[in-house]
Amino acid sequence: PTGTEAFQEDGGAAIAPSGFQMLGH
């Protein structure tokens, strides 16, 4: 419930047709 501690992380991957990418972040 409200006030409870919470912590999360993620190393998502995003790519675009132009070739730009964000990997392993």
mmCIF file of all heavy atoms, coordinates in Angstrom:
data_MODEL
# 
_entry.id   MODEL 
# 
loop_
_atom_site.group_PDB 
_atom_site.id 
_atom_site.type_symbol 
_atom_site.label_atom_id 
_atom_site.label_alt_id 
_atom_site.label_comp_id 
_atom_site.label_asym_id 
_atom_site.label_entity_id 
_atom_site.label_seq_id 
_atom_site.pdbx_PDB_ins_code 
_atom_site.Cartn_x 
_atom_site.Cartn_y 
_atom_site.Cartn_z 
_atom_site.occupancy 
_atom_site.B_iso_or_equiv 
_atom_site.pdbx_formal_charge 
_atom_site.auth_seq_id 
_atom_site.auth_comp_id 
_atom_site.auth_asym_id 
_atom_site.auth_atom_id 
_atom_site.pdbx_PDB_model_num 
ATOM 1   N N   . PRO A 1 1  ? 0.827  -1.221 0.000   1.00 0.00 ? 1  PRO A N   1 
ATOM 2   C CA  . PRO A 1 1  ? 0.000  0.000  0.000   1.00 0.00 ? 1  PRO A CA  1 
ATOM 3   C C   . PRO A 1 1  ? 0.855  1.262  0.000   1.00 0.00 ? 1  PRO A C   1 
ATOM 4   O O   . PRO A 1 1  ? 2.074  1.188  0.127   1.00 0.00 ? 1  PRO A O   1 
ATOM 5   C CB  . PRO A 1 1  ? -0.805 -0.149 1.301   1.00 0.00 ? 1  PRO A CB  1 
ATOM 6   C CG  . PRO A 1 1  ? 0.094  -0.943 2.198   1.00 0.00 ? 1  PRO A CG  1 
ATOM 7   C CD  . PRO A 1 1  ? 0.768  -1.924 1.302   1.00 0.00 ? 1  PRO A CD  1 
ATOM 8   N N   . THR A 1 2  ? 0.200  2.387  -0.157  1.00 0.00 ? 2  THR A N   1 
ATOM 9   C CA  . THR A 1 2  ? 0.884  3.676  -0.200  1.00 0.00 ? 2  THR A CA  1 
ATOM 10  C C   . THR A 1 2  ? 1.852  3.813  0.977   1.00 0.00 ? 2  THR A C   1 
ATOM 11  O O   . THR A 1 2  ? 1.512  3.497  2.111   1.00 0.00 ? 2  THR A O   1 
ATOM 12  C CB  . THR A 1 2  ? -0.154 4.815  -0.161  1.00 0.00 ? 2  THR A CB  1 
ATOM 13  O OG1 . THR A 1 2  ? -0.933 4.754  -1.361  1.00 0.00 ? 2  THR A OG1 1 
ATOM 14  C CG2 . THR A 1 2  ? 0.530  6.158  -0.081  1.00 0.00 ? 2  THR A CG2 1 
ATOM 15  N N   . GLY A 1 3  ? 3.056  4.294  0.658   1.00 0.00 ? 3  GLY A N   1 
ATOM 16  C CA  . GLY A 1 3  ? 4.089  4.460  1.674   1.00 0.00 ? 3  GLY A CA  1 
ATOM 17  C C   . GLY A 1 3  ? 5.073  3.305  1.729   1.00 0.00 ? 3  GLY A C   1 
ATOM 18  O O   . GLY A 1 3  ? 6.107  3.390  2.399   1.00 0.00 ? 3  GLY A O   1 
ATOM 19  N N   . THR A 1 4  ? 4.782  2.218  1.016   1.00 0.00 ? 4  THR A N   1 
ATOM 20  C CA  . THR A 1 4  ? 5.672  1.055  0.984   1.00 0.00 ? 4  THR A CA  1 
ATOM 21  C C   . THR A 1 4  ? 6.882  1.329  0.093   1.00 0.00 ? 4  THR A C   1 
ATOM 22  O O   . THR A 1 4  ? 6.750  1.911  -0.987  1.00 0.00 ? 4  THR A O   1 
ATOM 23  C CB  . THR A 1 4  ? 4.923  -0.177 0.458   1.00 0.00 ? 4  THR A CB  1 
ATOM 24  O OG1 . THR A 1 4  ? 3.799  -0.439 1.299   1.00 0.00 ? 4  THR A OG1 1 
ATOM 25  C CG2 . THR A 1 4  ? 5.836  -1.396 0.416   1.00 0.00 ? 4  THR A CG2 1 
ATOM 26  N N   . GLU A 1 5  ? 8.063  0.900  0.536   1.00 0.00 ? 5  GLU A N   1 
ATOM 27  C CA  . GLU A 1 5  ? 9.270  1.065  -0.273  1.00 0.00 ? 5  GLU A CA  1 
ATOM 28  C C   . GLU A 1 5  ? 9.219  0.158  -1.497  1.00 0.00 ? 5  GLU A C   1 
ATOM 29  O O   . GLU A 1 5  ? 8.769  -0.980 -1.429  1.00 0.00 ? 5  GLU A O   1 
ATOM 30  C CB  . GLU A 1 5  ? 10.509 0.720  0.553   1.00 0.00 ? 5  GLU A CB  1 
ATOM 31  C CG  . GLU A 1 5  ? 10.754 1.637  1.742   1.00 0.00 ? 5  GLU A CG  1 
ATOM 32  C CD  . GLU A 1 5  ? 11.956 1.199  2.547   1.00 0.00 ? 5  GLU A CD  1 
ATOM 33  O OE1 . GLU A 1 5  ? 12.560 0.148  2.217   1.00 0.00 ? 5  GLU A OE1 1 
ATOM 34  O OE2 . GLU A 1 5  ? 12.298 1.889  3.524   1.00 0.00 ? 5  GLU A OE2 1 
ATOM 35  N N   . ALA A 1 6  ? 9.700  0.693  -2.627  1.00 0.00 ? 6  ALA A N   1 
ATOM 36  C CA  . ALA A 1 6  ? 9.758  -0.101 -3.852  1.00 0.00 ? 6  ALA A CA  1 
ATOM 37  C C   . ALA A 1 6  ? 10.924 0.377  -4.703  1.00 0.00 ? 6  ALA A C   1 
ATOM 38  O O   . ALA A 1 6  ? 11.192 1.580  -4.798  1.00 0.00 ? 6  ALA A O   1 
ATOM 39  C CB  . ALA A 1 6  ? 8.456  0.000  -4.639  1.00 0.00 ? 6  ALA A CB  1 
ATOM 40  N N   . PHE A 1 7  ? 11.618 -0.579 -5.303  1.00 0.00 ? 7  PHE A N   1 
ATOM 41  C CA  . PHE A 1 7  ? 12.762 -0.247 -6.165  1.00 0.00 ? 7  PHE A CA  1 
ATOM 42  C C   . PHE A 1 7  ? 12.799 -1.236 -7.318  1.00 0.00 ? 7  PHE A C   1 
ATOM 43  O O   . PHE A 1 7  ? 12.633 -2.438 -7.123  1.00 0.00 ? 7  PHE A O   1 
ATOM 44  C CB  . PHE A 1 7  ? 14.067 -0.323 -5.375  1.00 0.00 ? 7  PHE A CB  1 
ATOM 45  C CG  . PHE A 1 7  ? 15.286 0.066  -6.175  1.00 0.00 ? 7  PHE A CG  1 
ATOM 46  C CD1 . PHE A 1 7  ? 15.617 1.398  -6.364  1.00 0.00 ? 7  PHE A CD1 1 
ATOM 47  C CD2 . PHE A 1 7  ? 16.099 -0.909 -6.741  1.00 0.00 ? 7  PHE A CD2 1 
ATOM 48  C CE1 . PHE A 1 7  ? 16.734 1.751  -7.102  1.00 0.00 ? 7  PHE A CE1 1 
ATOM 49  C CE2 . PHE A 1 7  ? 17.218 -0.562 -7.484  1.00 0.00 ? 7  PHE A CE2 1 
ATOM 50  C CZ  . PHE A 1 7  ? 17.537 0.780  -7.657  1.00 0.00 ? 7  PHE A CZ  1 
ATOM 51  N N   . GLN A 1 8  ? 13.038 -0.723 -8.529  1.00 0.00 ? 8  GLN A N   1 
ATOM 52  C CA  . GLN A 1 8  ? 13.067 -1.582 -9.704  1.00 0.00 ? 8  GLN A CA  1 
ATOM 53  C C   . GLN A 1 8  ? 14.061 -1.025 -10.724 1.00 0.00 ? 8  GLN A C   1 
ATOM 54  O O   . GLN A 1 8  ? 14.295 0.178  -10.788 1.00 0.00 ? 8  GLN A O   1 
ATOM 55  C CB  . GLN A 1 8  ? 11.672 -1.656 -10.329 1.00 0.00 ? 8  GLN A CB  1 
ATOM 56  C CG  . GLN A 1 8  ? 11.525 -2.689 -11.443 1.00 0.00 ? 8  GLN A CG  1 
ATOM 57  C CD  . GLN A 1 8  ? 11.807 -4.093 -10.964 1.00 0.00 ? 8  GLN A CD  1 
ATOM 58  O OE1 . GLN A 1 8  ? 12.931 -4.575 -11.083 1.00 0.00 ? 8  GLN A OE1 1 
ATOM 59  N NE2 . GLN A 1 8  ? 10.789 -4.747 -10.403 1.00 0.00 ? 8  GLN A NE2 1 
ATOM 60  N N   . GLU A 1 9  ? 14.663 -1.942 -11.501 1.00 0.00 ? 9  GLU A N   1 
ATOM 61  C CA  . GLU A 1 9  ? 15.564 -1.532 -12.583 1.00 0.00 ? 9  GLU A CA  1 
ATOM 62  C C   . GLU A 1 9  ? 15.272 -2.383 -13.808 1.00 0.00 ? 9  GLU A C   1 
ATOM 63  O O   . GLU A 1 9  ? 14.715 -3.475 -13.708 1.00 0.00 ? 9  GLU A O   1 
ATOM 64  C CB  . GLU A 1 9  ? 17.024 -1.662 -12.157 1.00 0.00 ? 9  GLU A CB  1 
ATOM 65  C CG  . GLU A 1 9  ? 17.435 -3.030 -11.620 1.00 0.00 ? 9  GLU A CG  1 
ATOM 66  C CD  . GLU A 1 9  ? 17.645 -4.077 -12.689 1.00 0.00 ? 9  GLU A CD  1 
ATOM 67  O OE1 . GLU A 1 9  ? 18.062 -3.694 -13.795 1.00 0.00 ? 9  GLU A OE1 1 
ATOM 68  O OE2 . GLU A 1 9  ? 17.382 -5.265 -12.410 1.00 0.00 ? 9  GLU A OE2 1 
ATOM 69  N N   . ASP A 1 10 ? 15.691 -1.855 -14.978 1.00 0.00 ? 10 ASP A N   1 
ATOM 70  C CA  . ASP A 1 10 ? 15.498 -2.614 -16.211 1.00 0.00 ? 10 ASP A CA  1 
ATOM 71  C C   . ASP A 1 10 ? 16.549 -2.209 -17.237 1.00 0.00 ? 10 ASP A C   1 
ATOM 72  O O   . ASP A 1 10 ? 16.929 -1.029 -17.321 1.00 0.00 ? 10 ASP A O   1 
ATOM 73  C CB  . ASP A 1 10 ? 14.102 -2.381 -16.786 1.00 0.00 ? 10 ASP A CB  1 
ATOM 74  C CG  . ASP A 1 10 ? 13.615 -3.581 -17.587 1.00 0.00 ? 10 ASP A CG  1 
ATOM 75  O OD1 . ASP A 1 10 ? 14.396 -4.088 -18.424 1.00 0.00 ? 10 ASP A OD1 1 
ATOM 76  O OD2 . ASP A 1 10 ? 12.474 -4.027 -17.372 1.00 0.00 ? 10 ASP A OD2 1 
ATOM 77  N N   . GLY A 1 11 ? 17.036 -3.171 -17.983 1.00 0.00 ? 11 GLY A N   1 
ATOM 78  C CA  . GLY A 1 11 ? 17.985 -2.916 -19.069 1.00 0.00 ? 11 GLY A CA  1 
ATOM 79  C C   . GLY A 1 11 ? 17.308 -3.123 -20.399 1.00 0.00 ? 11 GLY A C   1 
ATOM 80  O O   . GLY A 1 11 ? 17.629 -4.061 -21.130 1.00 0.00 ? 11 GLY A O   1 
ATOM 81  N N   . GLY A 1 12 ? 16.345 -2.289 -20.712 1.00 0.00 ? 12 GLY A N   1 
ATOM 82  C CA  . GLY A 1 12 ? 15.568 -2.434 -21.941 1.00 0.00 ? 12 GLY A CA  1 
ATOM 83  C C   . GLY A 1 12 ? 16.391 -2.233 -23.199 1.00 0.00 ? 12 GLY A C   1 
ATOM 84  O O   . GLY A 1 12 ? 17.511 -1.744 -23.166 1.00 0.00 ? 12 GLY A O   1 
ATOM 85  N N   . ALA A 1 13 ? 15.817 -2.614 -24.335 1.00 0.00 ? 13 ALA A N   1 
ATOM 86  C CA  . ALA A 1 13 ? 16.442 -2.454 -25.646 1.00 0.00 ? 13 ALA A CA  1 
ATOM 87  C C   . ALA A 1 13 ? 15.482 -1.733 -26.575 1.00 0.00 ? 13 ALA A C   1 
ATOM 88  O O   . ALA A 1 13 ? 14.310 -2.099 -26.670 1.00 0.00 ? 13 ALA A O   1 
ATOM 89  C CB  . ALA A 1 13 ? 16.827 -3.811 -26.217 1.00 0.00 ? 13 ALA A CB  1 
ATOM 90  N N   . ALA A 1 14 ? 15.982 -0.689 -27.237 1.00 0.00 ? 14 ALA A N   1 
ATOM 91  C CA  . ALA A 1 14 ? 15.170 0.070  -28.195 1.00 0.00 ? 14 ALA A CA  1 
ATOM 92  C C   . ALA A 1 14 ? 15.947 0.211  -29.497 1.00 0.00 ? 14 ALA A C   1 
ATOM 93  O O   . ALA A 1 14 ? 17.130 0.553  -29.482 1.00 0.00 ? 14 ALA A O   1 
ATOM 94  C CB  . ALA A 1 14 ? 14.827 1.446  -27.629 1.00 0.00 ? 14 ALA A CB  1 
ATOM 95  N N   . ILE A 1 15 ? 15.292 -0.074 -30.618 1.00 0.00 ? 15 ILE A N   1 
ATOM 96  C CA  . ILE A 1 15 ? 15.930 0.056  -31.923 1.00 0.00 ? 15 ILE A CA  1 
ATOM 97  C C   . ILE A 1 15 ? 14.982 0.788  -32.873 1.00 0.00 ? 15 ILE A C   1 
ATOM 98  O O   . ILE A 1 15 ? 13.762 0.736  -32.724 1.00 0.00 ? 15 ILE A O   1 
ATOM 99  C CB  . ILE A 1 15 ? 16.326 -1.309 -32.517 1.00 0.00 ? 15 ILE A CB  1 
ATOM 100 C CG1 . ILE A 1 15 ? 15.083 -2.200 -32.677 1.00 0.00 ? 15 ILE A CG1 1 
ATOM 101 C CG2 . ILE A 1 15 ? 17.362 -1.995 -31.637 1.00 0.00 ? 15 ILE A CG2 1 
ATOM 102 C CD1 . ILE A 1 15 ? 15.386 -3.530 -33.383 1.00 0.00 ? 15 ILE A CD1 1 
ATOM 103 N N   . ALA A 1 16 ? 15.588 1.488  -33.843 1.00 0.00 ? 16 ALA A N   1 
ATOM 104 C CA  . ALA A 1 16 ? 14.798 2.240  -34.819 1.00 0.00 ? 16 ALA A CA  1 
ATOM 105 C C   . ALA A 1 16 ? 15.204 1.820  -36.230 1.00 0.00 ? 16 ALA A C   1 
ATOM 106 O O   . ALA A 1 16 ? 16.336 1.360  -36.441 1.00 0.00 ? 16 ALA A O   1 
ATOM 107 C CB  . ALA A 1 16 ? 15.034 3.736  -34.637 1.00 0.00 ? 16 ALA A CB  1 
ATOM 108 N N   . PRO A 1 17 ? 14.307 1.948  -37.220 1.00 0.00 ? 17 PRO A N   1 
ATOM 109 C CA  . PRO A 1 17 ? 14.626 1.570  -38.598 1.00 0.00 ? 17 PRO A CA  1 
ATOM 110 C C   . PRO A 1 17 ? 15.855 2.288  -39.150 1.00 0.00 ? 17 PRO A C   1 
ATOM 111 O O   . PRO A 1 17 ? 16.547 1.766  -40.026 1.00 0.00 ? 17 PRO A O   1 
ATOM 112 C CB  . PRO A 1 17 ? 13.360 1.968  -39.373 1.00 0.00 ? 17 PRO A CB  1 
ATOM 113 C CG  . PRO A 1 17 ? 12.272 1.885  -38.361 1.00 0.00 ? 17 PRO A CG  1 
ATOM 114 C CD  . PRO A 1 17 ? 12.889 2.365  -37.089 1.00 0.00 ? 17 PRO A CD  1 
ATOM 115 N N   . SER A 1 18 ? 16.148 3.484  -38.622 1.00 0.00 ? 18 SER A N   1 
ATOM 116 C CA  . SER A 1 18 ? 17.306 4.247  -39.092 1.00 0.00 ? 18 SER A CA  1 
ATOM 117 C C   . SER A 1 18 ? 18.623 3.613  -38.668 1.00 0.00 ? 18 SER A C   1 
ATOM 118 O O   . SER A 1 18 ? 19.690 3.986  -39.163 1.00 0.00 ? 18 SER A O   1 
ATOM 119 C CB  . SER A 1 18 ? 17.247 5.668  -38.545 1.00 0.00 ? 18 SER A CB  1 
ATOM 120 O OG  . SER A 1 18 ? 17.275 5.657  -37.128 1.00 0.00 ? 18 SER A OG  1 
ATOM 121 N N   . GLY A 1 19 ? 18.567 2.654  -37.730 1.00 0.00 ? 19 GLY A N   1 
ATOM 122 C CA  . GLY A 1 19 ? 19.777 2.006  -37.251 1.00 0.00 ? 19 GLY A CA  1 
ATOM 123 C C   . GLY A 1 19 ? 20.177 2.434  -35.851 1.00 0.00 ? 19 GLY A C   1 
ATOM 124 O O   . GLY A 1 19 ? 21.046 1.821  -35.236 1.00 0.00 ? 19 GLY A O   1 
ATOM 125 N N   . PHE A 1 20 ? 19.554 3.492  -35.334 1.00 0.00 ? 20 PHE A N   1 
ATOM 126 C CA  . PHE A 1 20 ? 19.882 3.940  -33.980 1.00 0.00 ? 20 PHE A CA  1 
ATOM 127 C C   . PHE A 1 20 ? 19.373 2.926  -32.976 1.00 0.00 ? 20 PHE A C   1 
ATOM 128 O O   . PHE A 1 20 ? 18.301 2.358  -33.140 1.00 0.00 ? 20 PHE A O   1 
ATOM 129 C CB  . PHE A 1 20 ? 19.247 5.304  -33.700 1.00 0.00 ? 20 PHE A CB  1 
ATOM 130 C CG  . PHE A 1 20 ? 19.740 5.943  -32.436 1.00 0.00 ? 20 PHE A CG  1 
ATOM 131 C CD1 . PHE A 1 20 ? 20.837 6.779  -32.446 1.00 0.00 ? 20 PHE A CD1 1 
ATOM 132 C CD2 . PHE A 1 20 ? 19.114 5.682  -31.226 1.00 0.00 ? 20 PHE A CD2 1 
ATOM 133 C CE1 . PHE A 1 20 ? 21.306 7.350  -31.277 1.00 0.00 ? 20 PHE A CE1 1 
ATOM 134 C CE2 . PHE A 1 20 ? 19.572 6.253  -30.045 1.00 0.00 ? 20 PHE A CE2 1 
ATOM 135 C CZ  . PHE A 1 20 ? 20.668 7.090  -30.080 1.00 0.00 ? 20 PHE A CZ  1 
ATOM 136 N N   . GLN A 1 21 ? 20.158 2.717  -31.905 1.00 0.00 ? 21 GLN A N   1 
ATOM 137 C CA  . GLN A 1 21 ? 19.749 1.736  -30.912 1.00 0.00 ? 21 GLN A CA  1 
ATOM 138 C C   . GLN A 1 21 ? 20.240 2.119  -29.515 1.00 0.00 ? 21 GLN A C   1 
ATOM 139 O O   . GLN A 1 21 ? 21.217 2.825  -29.346 1.00 0.00 ? 21 GLN A O   1 
ATOM 140 C CB  . GLN A 1 21 ? 20.264 0.351  -31.294 1.00 0.00 ? 21 GLN A CB  1 
ATOM 141 C CG  . GLN A 1 21 ? 21.750 0.296  -31.587 1.00 0.00 ? 21 GLN A CG  1 
ATOM 142 C CD  . GLN A 1 21 ? 22.170 -1.037 -32.178 1.00 0.00 ? 21 GLN A CD  1 
ATOM 143 O OE1 . GLN A 1 21 ? 21.389 -1.979 -32.262 1.00 0.00 ? 21 GLN A OE1 1 
ATOM 144 N NE2 . GLN A 1 21 ? 23.420 -1.129 -32.584 1.00 0.00 ? 21 GLN A NE2 1 
ATOM 145 N N   . MET A 1 22 ? 19.495 1.639  -28.522 1.00 0.00 ? 22 MET A N   1 
ATOM 146 C CA  . MET A 1 22 ? 19.887 1.744  -27.117 1.00 0.00 ? 22 MET A CA  1 
ATOM 147 C C   . MET A 1 22 ? 19.853 0.313  -26.585 1.00 0.00 ? 22 MET A C   1 
ATOM 148 O O   . MET A 1 22 ? 18.787 -0.288 -26.440 1.00 0.00 ? 22 MET A O   1 
ATOM 149 C CB  . MET A 1 22 ? 18.917 2.623  -26.319 1.00 0.00 ? 22 MET A CB  1 
ATOM 150 C CG  . MET A 1 22 ? 18.835 4.048  -26.829 1.00 0.00 ? 22 MET A CG  1 
ATOM 151 S SD  . MET A 1 22 ? 18.073 5.242  -25.667 1.00 0.00 ? 22 MET A SD  1 
ATOM 152 C CE  . MET A 1 22 ? 16.705 4.356  -25.003 1.00 0.00 ? 22 MET A CE  1 
ATOM 153 N N   . LEU A 1 23 ? 21.047 -0.223 -26.306 1.00 0.00 ? 23 LEU A N   1 
ATOM 154 C CA  . LEU A 1 23 ? 21.141 -1.626 -25.933 1.00 0.00 ? 23 LEU A CA  1 
ATOM 155 C C   . LEU A 1 23 ? 21.911 -1.797 -24.631 1.00 0.00 ? 23 LEU A C   1 
ATOM 156 O O   . LEU A 1 23 ? 22.888 -1.101 -24.375 1.00 0.00 ? 23 LEU A O   1 
ATOM 157 C CB  . LEU A 1 23 ? 21.856 -2.420 -27.030 1.00 0.00 ? 23 LEU A CB  1 
ATOM 158 C CG  . LEU A 1 23 ? 21.220 -2.379 -28.425 1.00 0.00 ? 23 LEU A CG  1 
ATOM 159 C CD1 . LEU A 1 23 ? 22.112 -3.105 -29.421 1.00 0.00 ? 23 LEU A CD1 1 
ATOM 160 C CD2 . LEU A 1 23 ? 19.832 -2.994 -28.398 1.00 0.00 ? 23 LEU A CD2 1 
ATOM 161 N N   . GLY A 1 24 ? 21.496 -2.742 -23.810 1.00 0.00 ? 24 GLY A N   1 
ATOM 162 C CA  . GLY A 1 24 ? 22.213 -3.072 -22.601 1.00 0.00 ? 24 GLY A CA  1 
ATOM 163 C C   . GLY A 1 24 ? 22.242 -1.966 -21.567 1.00 0.00 ? 24 GLY A C   1 
ATOM 164 O O   . GLY A 1 24 ? 23.059 -1.991 -20.660 1.00 0.00 ? 24 GLY A O   1 
ATOM 165 N N   . HIS A 1 25 ? 21.380 -0.977 -21.703 1.00 0.00 ? 25 HIS A N   1 
ATOM 166 C CA  . HIS A 1 25 ? 21.369 0.140  -20.766 1.00 0.00 ? 25 HIS A CA  1 
ATOM 167 C C   . HIS A 1 25 ? 20.564 -0.245 -19.520 1.00 0.00 ? 25 HIS A C   1 
ATOM 168 O O   . HIS A 1 25 ? 19.678 -1.092 -19.572 1.00 0.00 ? 25 HIS A O   1 
ATOM 169 C CB  . HIS A 1 25 ? 20.812 1.399  -21.420 1.00 0.00 ? 25 HIS A CB  1 
ATOM 170 C CG  . HIS A 1 25 ? 19.581 1.179  -22.240 1.00 0.00 ? 25 HIS A CG  1 
ATOM 171 N ND1 . HIS A 1 25 ? 19.523 0.333  -23.307 1.00 0.00 ? 25 HIS A ND1 1 
ATOM 172 C CD2 . HIS A 1 25 ? 18.334 1.695  -22.126 1.00 0.00 ? 25 HIS A CD2 1 
ATOM 173 C CE1 . HIS A 1 25 ? 18.308 0.347  -23.836 1.00 0.00 ? 25 HIS A CE1 1 
ATOM 174 N NE2 . HIS A 1 25 ? 17.571 1.143  -23.134 1.00 0.00 ? 25 HIS A NE2 1 
# 
